[in-house]
Amino acid sequence: STQRRLNRMSDSSHDHKLLASMDVDGFEPSEVTVMVKNGKVKVLAEHEEEHTTARGKEYYYKNITKEISLPPGVSEDEVTYSL
């Protein structure tokens, strides 16, 4: 899989068309992976926490997966994304 660079931008004022938006609130940037392969954009986000309580250890895990097909005529090299 090809992983593109992840731009940490809060405002995207480019003239490019927006293909999709995804809410990754609660995930650290390092927990989000974007891959572009075989005409699709795949976004994976995984978060895991471990807490020790009086009753023992508690684990919290959440993940999100989203896959979007690129529109006809859009090259994988043209895809950019920001977080």
C-alpha atoms as a PDB file:
ATOM      1  CA  SER A   1       0.000   0.000   0.000  1.00  0.00           C
ATOM      2  CA  THR A   2       1.062   3.534  -0.640  1.00  0.00           C
ATOM      3  CA  GLN A   3       0.863   5.913   2.266  1.00  0.00           C
ATOM      4  CA  ARG A   4       0.715   9.579   1.356  1.00  0.00           C
ATOM      5  CA  ARG A   5       2.038  12.318   3.572  1.00  0.00           C
ATOM      6  CA  LEU A   6      -0.348  13.620   6.191  1.00  0.00           C
ATOM      7  CA  ASN A   7      -0.695  17.384   6.288  1.00  0.00           C
ATOM      8  CA  ARG A   8      -1.735  18.824   9.625  1.00  0.00           C
ATOM      9  CA  MET A   9      -3.826  21.677   8.358  1.00  0.00           C
ATOM     10  CA  SER A  10      -6.909  23.062  10.045  1.00  0.00           C
ATOM     11  CA  ASP A  11      -8.035  25.090   7.022  1.00  0.00           C
ATOM     12  CA  SER A  12      -8.010  23.696   3.507  1.00  0.00           C
ATOM     13  CA  SER A  13      -8.658  26.594   1.156  1.00  0.00           C
ATOM     14  CA  HIS A  14      -7.479  24.871  -2.023  1.00  0.00           C
ATOM     15  CA  ASP A  15      -9.360  24.841  -5.296  1.00  0.00           C
ATOM     16  CA  HIS A  16      -9.449  21.042  -5.250  1.00  0.00           C
ATOM     17  CA  LYS A  17     -12.701  19.144  -5.016  1.00  0.00           C
ATOM     18  CA  LEU A  18     -13.557  17.498  -1.717  1.00  0.00           C
ATOM     19  CA  LEU A  19     -14.177  13.771  -2.123  1.00  0.00           C
ATOM     20  CA  ALA A  20     -15.013  12.990   1.501  1.00  0.00           C
ATOM     21  CA  SER A  21     -14.810  14.199   5.068  1.00  0.00           C
ATOM     22  CA  MET A  22     -14.380  11.988   8.113  1.00  0.00           C
ATOM     23  CA  ASP A  23     -14.685  12.809  11.814  1.00  0.00           C
ATOM     24  CA  VAL A  24     -11.625  11.455  13.657  1.00  0.00           C
ATOM     25  CA  ASP A  25     -12.228  13.359  16.889  1.00  0.00           C
ATOM     26  CA  GLY A  26     -10.715  11.425  19.791  1.00  0.00           C
ATOM     27  CA  PHE A  27      -7.850  10.013  17.727  1.00  0.00           C
ATOM     28  CA  GLU A  28      -4.265  11.259  17.770  1.00  0.00           C
ATOM     29  CA  PRO A  29      -2.747  12.085  14.349  1.00  0.00           C
ATOM     30  CA  SER A  30      -0.367   9.124  14.751  1.00  0.00           C
ATOM     31  CA  GLU A  31      -3.404   6.817  15.123  1.00  0.00           C
ATOM     32  CA  VAL A  32      -4.822   7.758  11.702  1.00  0.00           C
ATOM     33  CA  THR A  33      -3.562   6.084   8.512  1.00  0.00           C
ATOM     34  CA  VAL A  34      -4.586   7.021   4.966  1.00  0.00           C
ATOM     35  CA  MET A  35      -3.768   4.694   2.075  1.00  0.00           C
ATOM     36  CA  VAL A  36      -4.397   5.171  -1.638  1.00  0.00           C
ATOM     37  CA  LYS A  37      -4.329   1.969  -3.672  1.00  0.00           C
ATOM     38  CA  ASN A  38      -6.242   0.286  -6.492  1.00  0.00           C
ATOM     39  CA  GLY A  39      -8.396   3.351  -7.158  1.00  0.00           C
ATOM     40  CA  LYS A  40      -9.567   3.661  -3.563  1.00  0.00           C
ATOM     41  CA  VAL A  41      -8.780   5.821  -0.547  1.00  0.00           C
ATOM     42  CA  LYS A  42      -8.845   3.900   2.723  1.00  0.00           C
ATOM     43  CA  VAL A  43      -8.810   5.638   6.114  1.00  0.00           C
ATOM     44  CA  LEU A  44      -8.033   3.656   9.263  1.00  0.00           C
ATOM     45  CA  ALA A  45      -8.114   5.090  12.785  1.00  0.00           C
ATOM     46  CA  GLU A  46      -7.398   3.015  15.888  1.00  0.00           C
ATOM     47  CA  HIS A  47      -7.208   4.097  19.528  1.00  0.00           C
ATOM     48  CA  GLU A  48      -6.531   1.956  22.589  1.00  0.00           C
ATOM     49  CA  GLU A  49      -6.341   2.900  26.258  1.00  0.00           C
ATOM     50  CA  GLU A  50      -5.464   0.886  29.340  1.00  0.00           C
ATOM     51  CA  HIS A  51      -6.432   2.010  32.837  1.00  0.00           C
ATOM     52  CA  THR A  52      -5.729   0.434  36.200  1.00  0.00           C
ATOM     53  CA  THR A  53      -8.635   0.683  38.604  1.00  0.00           C
ATOM     54  CA  ALA A  54      -9.409  -0.749  42.029  1.00  0.00           C
ATOM     55  CA  ARG A  55     -11.083  -3.687  40.263  1.00  0.00           C
ATOM     56  CA  GLY A  56      -8.142  -4.361  37.940  1.00  0.00           C
ATOM     57  CA  LYS A  57      -7.264  -3.276  34.418  1.00  0.00           C
ATOM     58  CA  GLU A  58      -9.778  -1.806  32.027  1.00  0.00           C
ATOM     59  CA  TYR A  59      -9.218  -1.548  28.297  1.00  0.00           C
ATOM     60  CA  TYR A  60     -10.872   0.849  25.893  1.00  0.00           C
ATOM     61  CA  TYR A  61     -10.569   0.313  22.137  1.00  0.00           C
ATOM     62  CA  LYS A  62     -12.195   2.068  19.196  1.00  0.00           C
ATOM     63  CA  ASN A  63     -11.568   2.020  15.485  1.00  0.00           C
ATOM     64  CA  ILE A  64     -12.978   3.500  12.314  1.00  0.00           C
ATOM     65  CA  THR A  65     -12.502   2.273   8.762  1.00  0.00           C
ATOM     66  CA  LYS A  66     -13.749   4.090   5.689  1.00  0.00           C
ATOM     67  CA  GLU A  67     -13.077   3.237   2.048  1.00  0.00           C
ATOM     68  CA  ILE A  68     -13.931   5.570  -0.817  1.00  0.00           C
ATOM     69  CA  SER A  69     -13.617   4.846  -4.544  1.00  0.00           C
ATOM     70  CA  LEU A  70     -11.885   7.539  -6.555  1.00  0.00           C
ATOM     71  CA  PRO A  71     -14.061   9.153  -9.236  1.00  0.00           C
ATOM     72  CA  PRO A  72     -13.303   8.181 -12.851  1.00  0.00           C
ATOM     73  CA  GLY A  73     -10.355  10.102 -14.248  1.00  0.00           C
ATOM     74  CA  VAL A  74      -8.767  10.864 -10.867  1.00  0.00           C
ATOM     75  CA  SER A  75      -5.230   9.530 -10.534  1.00  0.00           C
ATOM     76  CA  GLU A  76      -3.977   8.140  -7.226  1.00  0.00           C
ATOM     77  CA  ASP A  77      -1.085  10.607  -7.457  1.00  0.00           C
ATOM     78  CA  GLU A  78      -3.546  13.533  -7.392  1.00  0.00           C
ATOM     79  CA  VAL A  79      -5.012  12.583  -4.004  1.00  0.00           C
ATOM     80  CA  THR A  80      -4.138  14.827  -1.071  1.00  0.00           C
ATOM     81  CA  TYR A  81      -5.548  14.885   2.418  1.00  0.00           C
ATOM     82  CA  SER A  82      -5.278  16.816   5.640  1.00  0.00           C
ATOM     83  CA  LEU A  83      -6.047  16.248   9.288  1.00  0.00           C
END
